[in-house]
């Protein structure tokens, strides 16, 4: 069976961390990316998400520096080197492996979030916030039919927001843009509060959970890390039962 355009886009999406800073991203393209994101499913069509488009370089610098600091703390201090090497064991080249480890432990891996031209930073940063209360139509700003009375489940909002983010990343690829999803700057409670304060997000009702950089890739990236095949990750009817659905 031949692959259609949608499957091609899914398989060819790549995380882009080096951007052509001579090319800006138009508001029209940003609009299209966010519009595609809004077509993600959500429980009872409540659409518990908001997007902040960040073009301000000082704000990008602020968010990016948090990502760099947390990466240094996580990989440069807290995670043993042998564990980092294990996680990156799919990298066959010793030189590439060492380079990847270096940019992790130094925090360089997330410099692109700052948007600096000298480090090929992203021209645009999208910050995704979700409604942590997510209680039916007791929230007047939410659309939908309402929910079970008194039922508060932020888990549904996280799921919906994650699907929206995936939609936006795929839309970016389809539109010829590079993108990269990041969360390290939002993995620590203190950082969530700081970023919420800087962006005016009414935390803790609304909580930022993910970021997406947008821009034109400086270099074409055709290779990605290996993916597990359906045979490796799929069972039939119960755990451990082989699923034989391979295409001929």
C-alpha atoms as a PDB file:
ATOM      1  CA  UNK A   1       0.000   0.000   0.000  1.00  0.00           C
ATOM      2  CA  UNK A   2       1.408   3.361  -1.006  1.00  0.00           C
ATOM      3  CA  UNK A   3       1.816   5.988   1.710  1.00  0.00           C
ATOM      4  CA  UNK A   4      -0.366   9.050   1.432  1.00  0.00           C
ATOM      5  CA  UNK A   5       0.664  12.609   2.211  1.00  0.00           C
ATOM      6  CA  UNK A   6      -0.482  12.439   5.823  1.00  0.00           C
ATOM      7  CA  UNK A   7       1.601   9.350   6.601  1.00  0.00           C
ATOM      8  CA  UNK A   8       4.597  10.913   4.860  1.00  0.00           C
ATOM      9  CA  UNK A   9       4.290  14.032   7.034  1.00  0.00           C
ATOM     10  CA  UNK A  10       4.069  11.970  10.219  1.00  0.00           C
ATOM     11  CA  UNK A  11       7.140   9.897   9.356  1.00  0.00           C
ATOM     12  CA  UNK A  12       9.212  12.843   8.151  1.00  0.00           C
ATOM     13  CA  UNK A  13       8.609  15.253  11.023  1.00  0.00           C
ATOM     14  CA  UNK A  14      11.892  16.008  12.747  1.00  0.00           C
ATOM     15  CA  UNK A  15      12.930  17.982  15.822  1.00  0.00           C
ATOM     16  CA  UNK A  16      14.668  21.090  14.464  1.00  0.00           C
ATOM     17  CA  UNK A  17      17.054  22.988  16.740  1.00  0.00           C
ATOM     18  CA  UNK A  18      18.963  25.074  14.185  1.00  0.00           C
ATOM     19  CA  UNK A  19      16.984  27.752  12.342  1.00  0.00           C
ATOM     20  CA  UNK A  20      17.604  30.075   9.424  1.00  0.00           C
ATOM     21  CA  UNK A  21      17.446  33.397  11.249  1.00  0.00           C
ATOM     22  CA  UNK A  22      17.307  35.321   7.974  1.00  0.00           C
ATOM     23  CA  UNK A  23      13.791  34.022   7.377  1.00  0.00           C
ATOM     24  CA  UNK A  24      10.934  35.050   9.640  1.00  0.00           C
ATOM     25  CA  UNK A  25       7.698  33.120  10.102  1.00  0.00           C
ATOM     26  CA  UNK A  26       4.653  35.089   9.009  1.00  0.00           C
ATOM     27  CA  UNK A  27       1.655  35.556  11.263  1.00  0.00           C
ATOM     28  CA  UNK A  28      -0.390  33.824   8.565  1.00  0.00           C
ATOM     29  CA  UNK A  29       1.644  30.632   8.904  1.00  0.00           C
ATOM     30  CA  UNK A  30       1.521  30.799  12.696  1.00  0.00           C
ATOM     31  CA  UNK A  31      -2.241  31.147  12.437  1.00  0.00           C
ATOM     32  CA  UNK A  32      -2.447  28.039  10.242  1.00  0.00           C
ATOM     33  CA  UNK A  33      -0.323  26.023  12.657  1.00  0.00           C
ATOM     34  CA  UNK A  34      -2.485  27.003  15.640  1.00  0.00           C
ATOM     35  CA  UNK A  35      -5.669  26.468  13.655  1.00  0.00           C
ATOM     36  CA  UNK A  36      -4.572  22.901  12.876  1.00  0.00           C
ATOM     37  CA  UNK A  37      -3.803  22.417  16.550  1.00  0.00           C
ATOM     38  CA  UNK A  38      -7.344  23.419  17.431  1.00  0.00           C
ATOM     39  CA  UNK A  39      -8.695  20.468  15.471  1.00  0.00           C
ATOM     40  CA  UNK A  40      -7.276  18.057  18.050  1.00  0.00           C
ATOM     41  CA  UNK A  41      -9.865  16.059  19.986  1.00  0.00           C
ATOM     42  CA  UNK A  42     -10.750  16.946  23.557  1.00  0.00           C
ATOM     43  CA  UNK A  43     -13.153  15.496  26.097  1.00  0.00           C
ATOM     44  CA  UNK A  44     -16.662  16.830  25.377  1.00  0.00           C
ATOM     45  CA  UNK A  45     -15.102  19.268  22.911  1.00  0.00           C
ATOM     46  CA  UNK A  46     -14.078  21.510  25.783  1.00  0.00           C
ATOM     47  CA  UNK A  47     -10.869  22.609  24.039  1.00  0.00           C
ATOM     48  CA  UNK A  48      -9.062  23.393  27.336  1.00  0.00           C
ATOM     49  CA  UNK A  49      -6.089  25.120  25.739  1.00  0.00           C
ATOM     50  CA  UNK A  50      -4.626  28.536  25.084  1.00  0.00           C
ATOM     51  CA  UNK A  51      -1.569  29.506  23.029  1.00  0.00           C
ATOM     52  CA  UNK A  52       0.773  32.423  23.642  1.00  0.00           C
ATOM     53  CA  UNK A  53       2.809  33.433  20.581  1.00  0.00           C
ATOM     54  CA  UNK A  54       6.164  34.727  21.803  1.00  0.00           C
ATOM     55  CA  UNK A  55       8.174  36.919  19.438  1.00  0.00           C
ATOM     56  CA  UNK A  56       9.704  39.138  22.110  1.00  0.00           C
ATOM     57  CA  UNK A  57      13.390  38.207  22.334  1.00  0.00           C
ATOM     58  CA  UNK A  58      13.703  39.090  26.017  1.00  0.00           C
ATOM     59  CA  UNK A  59      10.884  36.692  26.867  1.00  0.00           C
ATOM     60  CA  UNK A  60      12.378  34.011  24.647  1.00  0.00           C
ATOM     61  CA  UNK A  61      15.714  34.526  26.385  1.00  0.00           C
ATOM     62  CA  UNK A  62      14.031  34.222  29.773  1.00  0.00           C
ATOM     63  CA  UNK A  63      12.274  30.948  28.907  1.00  0.00           C
ATOM     64  CA  UNK A  64      15.281  29.558  27.065  1.00  0.00           C
ATOM     65  CA  UNK A  65      17.647  30.236  29.959  1.00  0.00           C
ATOM     66  CA  UNK A  66      15.365  28.291  32.287  1.00  0.00           C
ATOM     67  CA  UNK A  67      15.548  25.355  29.866  1.00  0.00           C
ATOM     68  CA  UNK A  68      19.349  25.608  29.736  1.00  0.00           C
ATOM     69  CA  UNK A  69      19.669  25.797  33.531  1.00  0.00           C
ATOM     70  CA  UNK A  70      17.414  22.787  34.117  1.00  0.00           C
ATOM     71  CA  UNK A  71      19.229  20.752  31.469  1.00  0.00           C
ATOM     72  CA  UNK A  72      22.579  21.443  33.150  1.00  0.00           C
ATOM     73  CA  UNK A  73      21.067  20.416  36.487  1.00  0.00           C
ATOM     74  CA  UNK A  74      19.456  17.275  35.078  1.00  0.00           C
ATOM     75  CA  UNK A  75      22.140  15.938  32.742  1.00  0.00           C
ATOM     76  CA  UNK A  76      25.238  17.728  33.979  1.00  0.00           C
ATOM     77  CA  UNK A  77      24.746  16.947  37.657  1.00  0.00           C
ATOM     78  CA  UNK A  78      21.891  14.588  38.520  1.00  0.00           C
ATOM     79  CA  UNK A  79      22.138  11.920  35.812  1.00  0.00           C
ATOM     80  CA  UNK A  80      25.173   9.595  35.807  1.00  0.00           C
ATOM     81  CA  UNK A  81      27.130   9.641  32.565  1.00  0.00           C
ATOM     82  CA  UNK A  82      26.639   5.898  32.032  1.00  0.00           C
ATOM     83  CA  UNK A  83      22.887   6.451  32.115  1.00  0.00           C
ATOM     84  CA  UNK A  84      23.150   9.218  29.524  1.00  0.00           C
ATOM     85  CA  UNK A  85      25.239   6.911  27.338  1.00  0.00           C
ATOM     86  CA  UNK A  86      22.640   4.163  27.726  1.00  0.00           C
ATOM     87  CA  UNK A  87      19.814   6.455  26.643  1.00  0.00           C
ATOM     88  CA  UNK A  88      21.798   7.585  23.613  1.00  0.00           C
ATOM     89  CA  UNK A  89      23.095   4.136  22.700  1.00  0.00           C
ATOM     90  CA  UNK A  90      21.297   4.301  19.347  1.00  0.00           C
ATOM     91  CA  UNK A  91      23.967   6.784  18.180  1.00  0.00           C
ATOM     92  CA  UNK A  92      26.531   4.572  16.465  1.00  0.00           C
ATOM     93  CA  UNK A  93      29.248   7.165  15.839  1.00  0.00           C
ATOM     94  CA  UNK A  94      31.476   7.711  18.863  1.00  0.00           C
ATOM     95  CA  UNK A  95      32.151  11.294  17.784  1.00  0.00           C
ATOM     96  CA  UNK A  96      28.427  12.034  17.414  1.00  0.00           C
ATOM     97  CA  UNK A  97      27.716  10.430  20.774  1.00  0.00           C
ATOM     98  CA  UNK A  98      30.317  12.547  22.559  1.00  0.00           C
ATOM     99  CA  UNK A  99      29.062  15.694  20.844  1.00  0.00           C
ATOM    100  CA  UNK A 100      25.468  14.930  21.857  1.00  0.00           C
ATOM    101  CA  UNK A 101      26.478  14.328  25.468  1.00  0.00           C
ATOM    102  CA  UNK A 102      28.480  17.567  25.513  1.00  0.00           C
ATOM    103  CA  UNK A 103      25.543  19.675  24.354  1.00  0.00           C
ATOM    104  CA  UNK A 104      23.333  18.008  26.957  1.00  0.00           C
ATOM    105  CA  UNK A 105      25.516  18.475  30.010  1.00  0.00           C
ATOM    106  CA  UNK A 106      26.404  22.051  28.984  1.00  0.00           C
ATOM    107  CA  UNK A 107      22.785  23.030  28.320  1.00  0.00           C
ATOM    108  CA  UNK A 108      23.655  23.952  24.737  1.00  0.00           C
ATOM    109  CA  UNK A 109      20.923  21.630  23.483  1.00  0.00           C
ATOM    110  CA  UNK A 110      18.277  24.209  24.421  1.00  0.00           C
ATOM    111  CA  UNK A 111      19.996  27.413  23.363  1.00  0.00           C
ATOM    112  CA  UNK A 112      17.749  27.503  20.277  1.00  0.00           C
ATOM    113  CA  UNK A 113      14.761  28.416  22.451  1.00  0.00           C
ATOM    114  CA  UNK A 114      16.345  31.796  23.215  1.00  0.00           C
ATOM    115  CA  UNK A 115      15.930  32.888  19.604  1.00  0.00           C
ATOM    116  CA  UNK A 116      19.421  34.348  19.272  1.00  0.00           C
ATOM    117  CA  UNK A 117      20.615  34.731  15.661  1.00  0.00           C
ATOM    118  CA  UNK A 118      24.187  33.861  16.641  1.00  0.00           C
ATOM    119  CA  UNK A 119      23.087  30.404  17.843  1.00  0.00           C
ATOM    120  CA  UNK A 120      20.535  29.785  15.055  1.00  0.00           C
ATOM    121  CA  UNK A 121      17.674  30.355  17.468  1.00  0.00           C
ATOM    122  CA  UNK A 122      14.016  29.996  16.637  1.00  0.00           C
ATOM    123  CA  UNK A 123      12.205  33.153  15.474  1.00  0.00           C
ATOM    124  CA  UNK A 124       8.968  32.144  17.200  1.00  0.00           C
ATOM    125  CA  UNK A 125       8.051  30.312  20.385  1.00  0.00           C
ATOM    126  CA  UNK A 126       4.553  29.007  21.100  1.00  0.00           C
ATOM    127  CA  UNK A 127       3.632  28.330  24.724  1.00  0.00           C
ATOM    128  CA  UNK A 128       0.714  25.968  25.344  1.00  0.00           C
ATOM    129  CA  UNK A 129      -1.312  26.360  28.543  1.00  0.00           C
ATOM    130  CA  UNK A 130      -4.173  24.133  29.661  1.00  0.00           C
ATOM    131  CA  UNK A 131      -7.111  24.642  32.007  1.00  0.00           C
ATOM    132  CA  UNK A 132      -6.153  22.681  35.108  1.00  0.00           C
ATOM    133  CA  UNK A 133      -9.645  22.791  36.576  1.00  0.00           C
ATOM    134  CA  UNK A 134     -11.432  21.482  33.480  1.00  0.00           C
ATOM    135  CA  UNK A 135     -14.786  21.202  35.238  1.00  0.00           C
ATOM    136  CA  UNK A 136     -17.479  20.999  32.612  1.00  0.00           C
ATOM    137  CA  UNK A 137     -19.239  24.208  31.645  1.00  0.00           C
ATOM    138  CA  UNK A 138     -18.754  25.771  35.074  1.00  0.00           C
ATOM    139  CA  UNK A 139     -15.922  27.545  33.261  1.00  0.00           C
ATOM    140  CA  UNK A 140     -17.626  30.142  31.124  1.00  0.00           C
ATOM    141  CA  UNK A 141     -14.630  30.503  28.815  1.00  0.00           C
ATOM    142  CA  UNK A 142     -14.730  26.858  27.747  1.00  0.00           C
ATOM    143  CA  UNK A 143     -16.842  25.517  24.921  1.00  0.00           C
ATOM    144  CA  UNK A 144     -18.644  22.196  24.983  1.00  0.00           C
ATOM    145  CA  UNK A 145     -21.603  20.474  26.516  1.00  0.00           C
ATOM    146  CA  UNK A 146     -20.320  20.533  30.060  1.00  0.00           C
ATOM    147  CA  UNK A 147     -19.023  17.725  32.229  1.00  0.00           C
ATOM    148  CA  UNK A 148     -20.041  15.545  35.127  1.00  0.00           C
ATOM    149  CA  UNK A 149     -21.047  17.810  37.994  1.00  0.00           C
ATOM    150  CA  UNK A 150     -18.171  18.323  40.405  1.00  0.00           C
ATOM    151  CA  UNK A 151     -15.750  16.227  38.371  1.00  0.00           C
ATOM    152  CA  UNK A 152     -12.340  17.859  38.061  1.00  0.00           C
ATOM    153  CA  UNK A 153      -9.799  16.013  35.937  1.00  0.00           C
ATOM    154  CA  UNK A 154      -6.763  17.974  34.715  1.00  0.00           C
ATOM    155  CA  UNK A 155      -5.532  14.711  33.188  1.00  0.00           C
ATOM    156  CA  UNK A 156      -8.026  15.164  30.347  1.00  0.00           C
ATOM    157  CA  UNK A 157      -6.680  18.648  29.678  1.00  0.00           C
ATOM    158  CA  UNK A 158      -3.089  17.365  29.572  1.00  0.00           C
ATOM    159  CA  UNK A 159      -4.096  14.678  27.073  1.00  0.00           C
ATOM    160  CA  UNK A 160      -5.985  17.167  24.916  1.00  0.00           C
ATOM    161  CA  UNK A 161      -3.154  19.696  25.056  1.00  0.00           C
ATOM    162  CA  UNK A 162      -0.621  17.054  24.055  1.00  0.00           C
ATOM    163  CA  UNK A 163      -2.706  16.076  21.034  1.00  0.00           C
ATOM    164  CA  UNK A 164      -3.025  19.738  20.088  1.00  0.00           C
ATOM    165  CA  UNK A 165       0.765  20.108  20.276  1.00  0.00           C
ATOM    166  CA  UNK A 166       1.263  17.095  18.012  1.00  0.00           C
ATOM    167  CA  UNK A 167      -1.188  18.564  15.508  1.00  0.00           C
ATOM    168  CA  UNK A 168       0.790  21.812  15.464  1.00  0.00           C
ATOM    169  CA  UNK A 169       4.136  20.045  14.998  1.00  0.00           C
ATOM    170  CA  UNK A 170       2.746  18.053  12.071  1.00  0.00           C
ATOM    171  CA  UNK A 171       1.128  21.150  10.560  1.00  0.00           C
ATOM    172  CA  UNK A 172       4.468  22.947  10.751  1.00  0.00           C
ATOM    173  CA  UNK A 173       6.108  20.121   8.808  1.00  0.00           C
ATOM    174  CA  UNK A 174       3.347  20.164   6.207  1.00  0.00           C
ATOM    175  CA  UNK A 175       3.829  23.931   5.776  1.00  0.00           C
ATOM    176  CA  UNK A 176       7.584  23.627   5.278  1.00  0.00           C
ATOM    177  CA  UNK A 177       8.506  24.845   8.757  1.00  0.00           C
ATOM    178  CA  UNK A 178      10.815  23.321  11.303  1.00  0.00           C
ATOM    179  CA  UNK A 179       9.637  22.862  14.869  1.00  0.00           C
ATOM    180  CA  UNK A 180      10.656  21.310  18.153  1.00  0.00           C
ATOM    181  CA  UNK A 181       8.538  20.440  21.180  1.00  0.00           C
ATOM    182  CA  UNK A 182      10.130  21.103  24.575  1.00  0.00           C
ATOM    183  CA  UNK A 183       9.046  20.769  28.187  1.00  0.00           C
ATOM    184  CA  UNK A 184      12.240  20.869  30.259  1.00  0.00           C
ATOM    185  CA  UNK A 185      11.589  24.526  31.098  1.00  0.00           C
ATOM    186  CA  UNK A 186       8.180  23.507  32.462  1.00  0.00           C
ATOM    187  CA  UNK A 187       9.066  20.350  34.381  1.00  0.00           C
ATOM    188  CA  UNK A 188       9.771  22.093  37.684  1.00  0.00           C
ATOM    189  CA  UNK A 189       7.054  23.759  39.753  1.00  0.00           C
ATOM    190  CA  UNK A 190       9.133  26.893  40.348  1.00  0.00           C
ATOM    191  CA  UNK A 191       9.776  27.309  36.617  1.00  0.00           C
ATOM    192  CA  UNK A 192       6.100  26.903  35.778  1.00  0.00           C
ATOM    193  CA  UNK A 193       5.271  29.688  38.205  1.00  0.00           C
ATOM    194  CA  UNK A 194       8.026  31.951  36.904  1.00  0.00           C
ATOM    195  CA  UNK A 195       7.045  31.526  33.254  1.00  0.00           C
ATOM    196  CA  UNK A 196       3.370  31.938  34.103  1.00  0.00           C
ATOM    197  CA  UNK A 197       4.180  35.199  35.851  1.00  0.00           C
ATOM    198  CA  UNK A 198       6.267  36.502  32.958  1.00  0.00           C
ATOM    199  CA  UNK A 199       3.552  35.674  30.412  1.00  0.00           C
ATOM    200  CA  UNK A 200       0.616  36.773  32.564  1.00  0.00           C
ATOM    201  CA  UNK A 201      -0.897  33.282  32.620  1.00  0.00           C
ATOM    202  CA  UNK A 202      -3.527  33.057  35.407  1.00  0.00           C
ATOM    203  CA  UNK A 203      -1.752  30.232  37.236  1.00  0.00           C
ATOM    204  CA  UNK A 204      -2.733  27.819  38.764  1.00  0.00           C
ATOM    205  CA  UNK A 205      -6.078  27.798  36.941  1.00  0.00           C
ATOM    206  CA  UNK A 206      -4.193  27.814  33.652  1.00  0.00           C
ATOM    207  CA  UNK A 207      -0.872  25.969  33.508  1.00  0.00           C
ATOM    208  CA  UNK A 208       1.785  26.057  30.761  1.00  0.00           C
ATOM    209  CA  UNK A 209       2.844  22.497  29.912  1.00  0.00           C
ATOM    210  CA  UNK A 210       4.644  22.539  26.539  1.00  0.00           C
ATOM    211  CA  UNK A 211       6.477  24.830  24.147  1.00  0.00           C
ATOM    212  CA  UNK A 212       6.932  24.656  20.385  1.00  0.00           C
ATOM    213  CA  UNK A 213       9.599  26.539  18.468  1.00  0.00           C
ATOM    214  CA  UNK A 214       8.861  27.523  14.876  1.00  0.00           C
ATOM    215  CA  UNK A 215      11.125  28.605  12.053  1.00  0.00           C
ATOM    216  CA  UNK A 216      12.736  27.523   8.817  1.00  0.00           C
ATOM    217  CA  UNK A 217      15.344  24.805   9.264  1.00  0.00           C
ATOM    218  CA  UNK A 218      18.895  25.969   8.667  1.00  0.00           C
ATOM    219  CA  UNK A 219      19.918  22.475   7.592  1.00  0.00           C
ATOM    220  CA  UNK A 220      17.843  19.684   6.121  1.00  0.00           C
ATOM    221  CA  UNK A 221      17.452  16.862   8.596  1.00  0.00           C
ATOM    222  CA  UNK A 222      16.431  13.589   7.004  1.00  0.00           C
ATOM    223  CA  UNK A 223      17.615  11.117   9.619  1.00  0.00           C
ATOM    224  CA  UNK A 224      16.077  10.562  13.001  1.00  0.00           C
ATOM    225  CA  UNK A 225      16.537   8.074  15.832  1.00  0.00           C
ATOM    226  CA  UNK A 226      15.360   4.536  15.028  1.00  0.00           C
ATOM    227  CA  UNK A 227      11.741   3.712  15.727  1.00  0.00           C
ATOM    228  CA  UNK A 228      10.423   0.487  17.179  1.00  0.00           C
ATOM    229  CA  UNK A 229       8.342  -1.499  14.732  1.00  0.00           C
ATOM    230  CA  UNK A 230       4.690  -2.397  15.377  1.00  0.00           C
ATOM    231  CA  UNK A 231       5.831  -5.998  15.891  1.00  0.00           C
ATOM    232  CA  UNK A 232       7.987  -4.865  18.803  1.00  0.00           C
ATOM    233  CA  UNK A 233       5.354  -2.807  20.611  1.00  0.00           C
ATOM    234  CA  UNK A 234       2.008  -4.445  19.804  1.00  0.00           C
ATOM    235  CA  UNK A 235       0.109  -7.345  21.324  1.00  0.00           C
ATOM    236  CA  UNK A 236      -3.105  -9.039  20.232  1.00  0.00           C
ATOM    237  CA  UNK A 237      -5.926  -9.194  22.791  1.00  0.00           C
ATOM    238  CA  UNK A 238      -3.601  -9.534  25.805  1.00  0.00           C
ATOM    239  CA  UNK A 239      -0.077  -8.600  26.890  1.00  0.00           C
ATOM    240  CA  UNK A 240       2.571 -10.845  25.417  1.00  0.00           C
ATOM    241  CA  UNK A 241       0.450 -12.269  22.600  1.00  0.00           C
ATOM    242  CA  UNK A 242       2.110 -11.583  19.256  1.00  0.00           C
ATOM    243  CA  UNK A 243       0.361  -9.307  16.798  1.00  0.00           C
ATOM    244  CA  UNK A 244       1.065 -10.441  13.231  1.00  0.00           C
ATOM    245  CA  UNK A 245      -0.133  -7.446  11.280  1.00  0.00           C
ATOM    246  CA  UNK A 246       2.914  -6.847   9.106  1.00  0.00           C
ATOM    247  CA  UNK A 247       2.270  -5.557   5.619  1.00  0.00           C
ATOM    248  CA  UNK A 248       3.287  -7.888   2.789  1.00  0.00           C
END
